[in-house]
C-alpha atoms as a PDB file:
ATOM      1  CA  UNK A   1      16.580 -13.226   2.998  1.00  0.00           C
ATOM      2  CA  UNK A   2      17.908 -12.202   6.479  1.00  0.00           C
ATOM      3  CA  UNK A   3      16.918  -8.566   5.733  1.00  0.00           C
ATOM      4  CA  UNK A   4      13.286  -9.298   4.455  1.00  0.00           C
ATOM      5  CA  UNK A   5      12.657 -11.575   7.673  1.00  0.00           C
ATOM      6  CA  UNK A   6      13.959  -8.357   9.604  1.00  0.00           C
ATOM      7  CA  UNK A   7      11.921  -6.054   8.127  1.00  0.00           C
ATOM      8  CA  UNK A   8       8.883  -8.181   8.184  1.00  0.00           C
ATOM      9  CA  UNK A   9       9.713  -8.718  11.846  1.00  0.00           C
ATOM     10  CA  UNK A  10       9.759  -4.892  12.624  1.00  0.00           C
ATOM     11  CA  UNK A  11       6.468  -4.296  10.547  1.00  0.00           C
ATOM     12  CA  UNK A  12       4.667  -6.876  12.782  1.00  0.00           C
ATOM     13  CA  UNK A  13       5.922  -5.239  15.805  1.00  0.00           C
ATOM     14  CA  UNK A  14       4.713  -1.979  14.436  1.00  0.00           C
ATOM     15  CA  UNK A  15       1.236  -3.231  13.857  1.00  0.00           C
ATOM     16  CA  UNK A  16       1.241  -4.738  17.174  1.00  0.00           C
ATOM     17  CA  UNK A  17       2.111  -1.370  18.734  1.00  0.00           C
ATOM     18  CA  UNK A  18      -0.162   0.390  16.706  1.00  0.00           C
ATOM     19  CA  UNK A  19      -3.007  -2.317  17.538  1.00  0.00           C
ATOM     20  CA  UNK A  20      -3.626  -2.904  13.818  1.00  0.00           C
ATOM     21  CA  UNK A  21      -5.883  -5.659  12.499  1.00  0.00           C
ATOM     22  CA  UNK A  22      -3.523  -6.928   9.875  1.00  0.00           C
ATOM     23  CA  UNK A  23      -0.074  -8.462   9.502  1.00  0.00           C
ATOM     24  CA  UNK A  24       2.278  -5.310   9.327  1.00  0.00           C
ATOM     25  CA  UNK A  25       2.814  -1.669   8.641  1.00  0.00           C
ATOM     26  CA  UNK A  26       5.945  -0.977   6.294  1.00  0.00           C
ATOM     27  CA  UNK A  27       7.745   2.087   5.483  1.00  0.00           C
ATOM     28  CA  UNK A  28       7.916   2.853   1.812  1.00  0.00           C
ATOM     29  CA  UNK A  29      11.663   2.013   1.418  1.00  0.00           C
ATOM     30  CA  UNK A  30      11.001  -1.460   3.485  1.00  0.00           C
ATOM     31  CA  UNK A  31       8.028  -2.203   1.100  1.00  0.00           C
ATOM     32  CA  UNK A  32      10.301  -1.389  -1.917  1.00  0.00           C
ATOM     33  CA  UNK A  33      13.073  -3.702  -0.404  1.00  0.00           C
ATOM     34  CA  UNK A  34      10.228  -6.673  -0.022  1.00  0.00           C
ATOM     35  CA  UNK A  35       9.111  -6.080  -3.485  1.00  0.00           C
ATOM     36  CA  UNK A  36      12.647  -6.216  -4.824  1.00  0.00           C
ATOM     37  CA  UNK A  37      13.658  -9.598  -3.349  1.00  0.00           C
ATOM     38  CA  UNK A  38      10.746 -11.475  -2.225  1.00  0.00           C
ATOM     39  CA  UNK A  39       9.208 -13.533  -4.935  1.00  0.00           C
ATOM     40  CA  UNK A  40       5.323 -13.662  -5.168  1.00  0.00           C
ATOM     41  CA  UNK A  41       4.625 -10.316  -3.358  1.00  0.00           C
ATOM     42  CA  UNK A  42       2.130  -7.948  -4.707  1.00  0.00           C
ATOM     43  CA  UNK A  43       1.715  -4.190  -4.191  1.00  0.00           C
ATOM     44  CA  UNK A  44      -1.633  -3.062  -4.326  1.00  0.00           C
ATOM     45  CA  UNK A  45      -2.302   0.521  -5.357  1.00  0.00           C
ATOM     46  CA  UNK A  46      -5.999   1.418  -4.117  1.00  0.00           C
ATOM     47  CA  UNK A  47      -5.882   4.924  -5.102  1.00  0.00           C
ATOM     48  CA  UNK A  48      -8.394   6.369  -7.846  1.00  0.00           C
ATOM     49  CA  UNK A  49      -7.822   6.294 -11.153  1.00  0.00           C
ATOM     50  CA  UNK A  50      -7.350   9.889 -11.496  1.00  0.00           C
ATOM     51  CA  UNK A  51      -4.633   9.845  -9.121  1.00  0.00           C
ATOM     52  CA  UNK A  52      -2.809   7.115 -10.857  1.00  0.00           C
ATOM     53  CA  UNK A  53      -3.186   9.033 -13.997  1.00  0.00           C
ATOM     54  CA  UNK A  54      -2.319  12.447 -13.024  1.00  0.00           C
ATOM     55  CA  UNK A  55       0.108  11.954  -9.752  1.00  0.00           C
ATOM     56  CA  UNK A  56       1.810   8.496 -10.908  1.00  0.00           C
ATOM     57  CA  UNK A  57       2.282   5.085 -10.656  1.00  0.00           C
ATOM     58  CA  UNK A  58       4.218   2.526  -9.130  1.00  0.00           C
ATOM     59  CA  UNK A  59       5.725   0.178 -12.027  1.00  0.00           C
ATOM     60  CA  UNK A  60       4.167  -3.336 -11.732  1.00  0.00           C
ATOM     61  CA  UNK A  61       1.521  -2.465  -8.789  1.00  0.00           C
ATOM     62  CA  UNK A  62      -1.903  -4.055  -8.796  1.00  0.00           C
ATOM     63  CA  UNK A  63      -4.334  -1.276  -9.047  1.00  0.00           C
ATOM     64  CA  UNK A  64      -7.704  -1.646  -7.532  1.00  0.00           C
ATOM     65  CA  UNK A  65      -9.515   1.356  -6.516  1.00  0.00           C
ATOM     66  CA  UNK A  66     -10.621   1.736  -2.929  1.00  0.00           C
ATOM     67  CA  UNK A  67     -13.153   4.332  -3.458  1.00  0.00           C
ATOM     68  CA  UNK A  68     -13.745   6.169  -6.972  1.00  0.00           C
ATOM     69  CA  UNK A  69     -13.490   9.968  -7.971  1.00  0.00           C
ATOM     70  CA  UNK A  70     -15.253  11.898  -8.102  1.00  0.00           C
ATOM     71  CA  UNK A  71     -17.127  11.486  -4.991  1.00  0.00           C
ATOM     72  CA  UNK A  72     -14.760   9.132  -3.271  1.00  0.00           C
ATOM     73  CA  UNK A  73     -17.687   6.405  -3.300  1.00  0.00           C
ATOM     74  CA  UNK A  74     -16.428   3.088  -1.909  1.00  0.00           C
ATOM     75  CA  UNK A  75     -15.864   0.544  -4.410  1.00  0.00           C
ATOM     76  CA  UNK A  76     -18.379  -2.223  -3.645  1.00  0.00           C
ATOM     77  CA  UNK A  77     -16.249  -4.910  -5.880  1.00  0.00           C
ATOM     78  CA  UNK A  78     -12.737  -4.020  -3.978  1.00  0.00           C
ATOM     79  CA  UNK A  79     -12.792  -7.917  -2.663  1.00  0.00           C
ATOM     80  CA  UNK A  80     -13.761  -9.429  -5.407  1.00  0.00           C
ATOM     81  CA  UNK A  81     -11.399  -7.634  -7.828  1.00  0.00           C
ATOM     82  CA  UNK A  82      -8.480  -8.168  -5.055  1.00  0.00           C
ATOM     83  CA  UNK A  83      -9.725 -12.135  -5.269  1.00  0.00           C
ATOM     84  CA  UNK A  84      -9.083 -11.992  -9.012  1.00  0.00           C
ATOM     85  CA  UNK A  85      -5.857 -10.763  -9.042  1.00  0.00           C
ATOM     86  CA  UNK A  86      -4.056 -11.726  -6.020  1.00  0.00           C
ATOM     87  CA  UNK A  87      -3.580 -15.198  -4.608  1.00  0.00           C
ATOM     88  CA  UNK A  88      -4.818 -15.033  -0.890  1.00  0.00           C
ATOM     89  CA  UNK A  89      -1.718 -16.862   0.335  1.00  0.00           C
ATOM     90  CA  UNK A  90       0.742 -13.926  -1.078  1.00  0.00           C
ATOM     91  CA  UNK A  91       2.210 -11.265   0.684  1.00  0.00           C
ATOM     92  CA  UNK A  92       0.203  -8.417   0.155  1.00  0.00           C
ATOM     93  CA  UNK A  93       1.112  -4.677   0.753  1.00  0.00           C
ATOM     94  CA  UNK A  94      -1.344  -1.925   0.079  1.00  0.00           C
ATOM     95  CA  UNK A  95      -0.599   1.623  -0.453  1.00  0.00           C
ATOM     96  CA  UNK A  96      -2.519   4.909  -1.282  1.00  0.00           C
ATOM     97  CA  UNK A  97      -1.968   8.553  -1.277  1.00  0.00           C
ATOM     98  CA  UNK A  98      -1.113   8.846   2.566  1.00  0.00           C
ATOM     99  CA  UNK A  99      -1.722   5.516   4.299  1.00  0.00           C
ATOM    100  CA  UNK A 100      -5.410   6.114   5.393  1.00  0.00           C
ATOM    101  CA  UNK A 101      -7.257   3.932   2.500  1.00  0.00           C
ATOM    102  CA  UNK A 102      -4.712   1.514   2.008  1.00  0.00           C
ATOM    103  CA  UNK A 103      -5.178   0.807   5.862  1.00  0.00           C
ATOM    104  CA  UNK A 104      -8.932   0.258   5.176  1.00  0.00           C
ATOM    105  CA  UNK A 105      -8.285  -1.920   2.344  1.00  0.00           C
ATOM    106  CA  UNK A 106      -5.613  -4.163   4.349  1.00  0.00           C
ATOM    107  CA  UNK A 107      -8.305  -4.587   7.255  1.00  0.00           C
ATOM    108  CA  UNK A 108     -10.882  -5.549   4.537  1.00  0.00           C
ATOM    109  CA  UNK A 109      -8.396  -8.300   2.823  1.00  0.00           C
ATOM    110  CA  UNK A 110      -7.640  -9.691   5.916  1.00  0.00           C
ATOM    111  CA  UNK A 111     -11.295 -10.063   6.926  1.00  0.00           C
ATOM    112  CA  UNK A 112     -11.695 -11.725   3.317  1.00  0.00           C
ATOM    113  CA  UNK A 113      -9.045 -14.323   4.256  1.00  0.00           C
ATOM    114  CA  UNK A 114      -5.948 -12.813   2.718  1.00  0.00           C
ATOM    115  CA  UNK A 115      -3.503 -14.090   5.458  1.00  0.00           C
ATOM    116  CA  UNK A 116      -0.424 -11.735   4.930  1.00  0.00           C
ATOM    117  CA  UNK A 117      -1.508  -8.115   4.708  1.00  0.00           C
ATOM    118  CA  UNK A 118       0.859  -5.120   5.018  1.00  0.00           C
ATOM    119  CA  UNK A 119      -0.138  -1.383   4.881  1.00  0.00           C
ATOM    120  CA  UNK A 120       2.533   1.159   3.538  1.00  0.00           C
ATOM    121  CA  UNK A 121       2.575   3.856   6.086  1.00  0.00           C
ATOM    122  CA  UNK A 122       3.060   7.354   4.509  1.00  0.00           C
ATOM    123  CA  UNK A 123       1.827   6.155   1.130  1.00  0.00           C
ATOM    124  CA  UNK A 124       2.518   7.204  -2.262  1.00  0.00           C
ATOM    125  CA  UNK A 125       2.806  11.190  -1.539  1.00  0.00           C
ATOM    126  CA  UNK A 126       3.352  11.352   2.349  1.00  0.00           C
ATOM    127  CA  UNK A 127       1.935  14.157   4.758  1.00  0.00           C
ATOM    128  CA  UNK A 128       1.218  17.380   3.749  1.00  0.00           C
ATOM    129  CA  UNK A 129       4.282  20.205   4.588  1.00  0.00           C
ATOM    130  CA  UNK A 130       3.894  23.509   6.359  1.00  0.00           C
ATOM    131  CA  UNK A 131       2.800  24.682   2.792  1.00  0.00           C
ATOM    132  CA  UNK A 132      -0.003  22.114   2.361  1.00  0.00           C
ATOM    133  CA  UNK A 133       1.909  20.406  -0.280  1.00  0.00           C
ATOM    134  CA  UNK A 134       2.698  16.563  -0.490  1.00  0.00           C
ATOM    135  CA  UNK A 135       5.593  14.568  -1.883  1.00  0.00           C
ATOM    136  CA  UNK A 136       8.039  16.429   0.532  1.00  0.00           C
ATOM    137  CA  UNK A 137       7.241  14.769   3.887  1.00  0.00           C
ATOM    138  CA  UNK A 138       7.321  10.964   3.648  1.00  0.00           C
ATOM    139  CA  UNK A 139       5.888   8.859   1.013  1.00  0.00           C
ATOM    140  CA  UNK A 140       7.279   6.644  -1.865  1.00  0.00           C
ATOM    141  CA  UNK A 141       7.964   9.454  -4.181  1.00  0.00           C
ATOM    142  CA  UNK A 142       9.804  11.543  -1.609  1.00  0.00           C
ATOM    143  CA  UNK A 143      11.794   8.675  -0.732  1.00  0.00           C
ATOM    144  CA  UNK A 144      13.097   8.421  -4.296  1.00  0.00           C
ATOM    145  CA  UNK A 145      11.687   5.100  -5.160  1.00  0.00           C
ATOM    146  CA  UNK A 146      10.780   4.049  -8.731  1.00  0.00           C
ATOM    147  CA  UNK A 147       7.469   5.537 -10.277  1.00  0.00           C
ATOM    148  CA  UNK A 148       6.281   6.711 -13.392  1.00  0.00           C
ATOM    149  CA  UNK A 149       4.235   9.802 -14.834  1.00  0.00           C
ATOM    150  CA  UNK A 150       1.319   8.676 -17.001  1.00  0.00           C
END
C-alpha cells in the first residue's frame, strides 16, 4: 500500500500546486495503479455515449455522461446518477477525452459531498499532436493501459 499512498500524496500535491478544487490530479498510469490495488476505487468515465462506442472504453469503469452528444448539452442528472452508482466515501477518479470535462465532473462531485475526488490528467485520448490527432501524446490509450473497442 506504500506505493499507492505515495501516488495519492503526489496527486494531492499536484492539485494544490494547480489550485484545483478537488483532492488530486493523477496521470493515467497512476490512476491505473490505484485502480489495480485499492479496493472500492471507482473510475468514472464522463465521455459521451458516442465517444465510448466509437473511440473505446476502460473495462470496469462507471459511465456517466457529463454532456450529451450531439450538441454537448450538460447532463442535468450527472450528480444524481453519480450518487446512485458511486459511494460518496469512495475514492473516485474521473476521466474524459483529455481532462477538461473530468475536471468539471470532479469539481461538481466534490461540491456534492464526494470526499475523495481525483481528475485523470490527459484523459483517455490525450492532447492533439502536431497533425491534430489524438492518442499519440499522453492519455490512457497512448500509455498502453487496458481498454476495449465496442
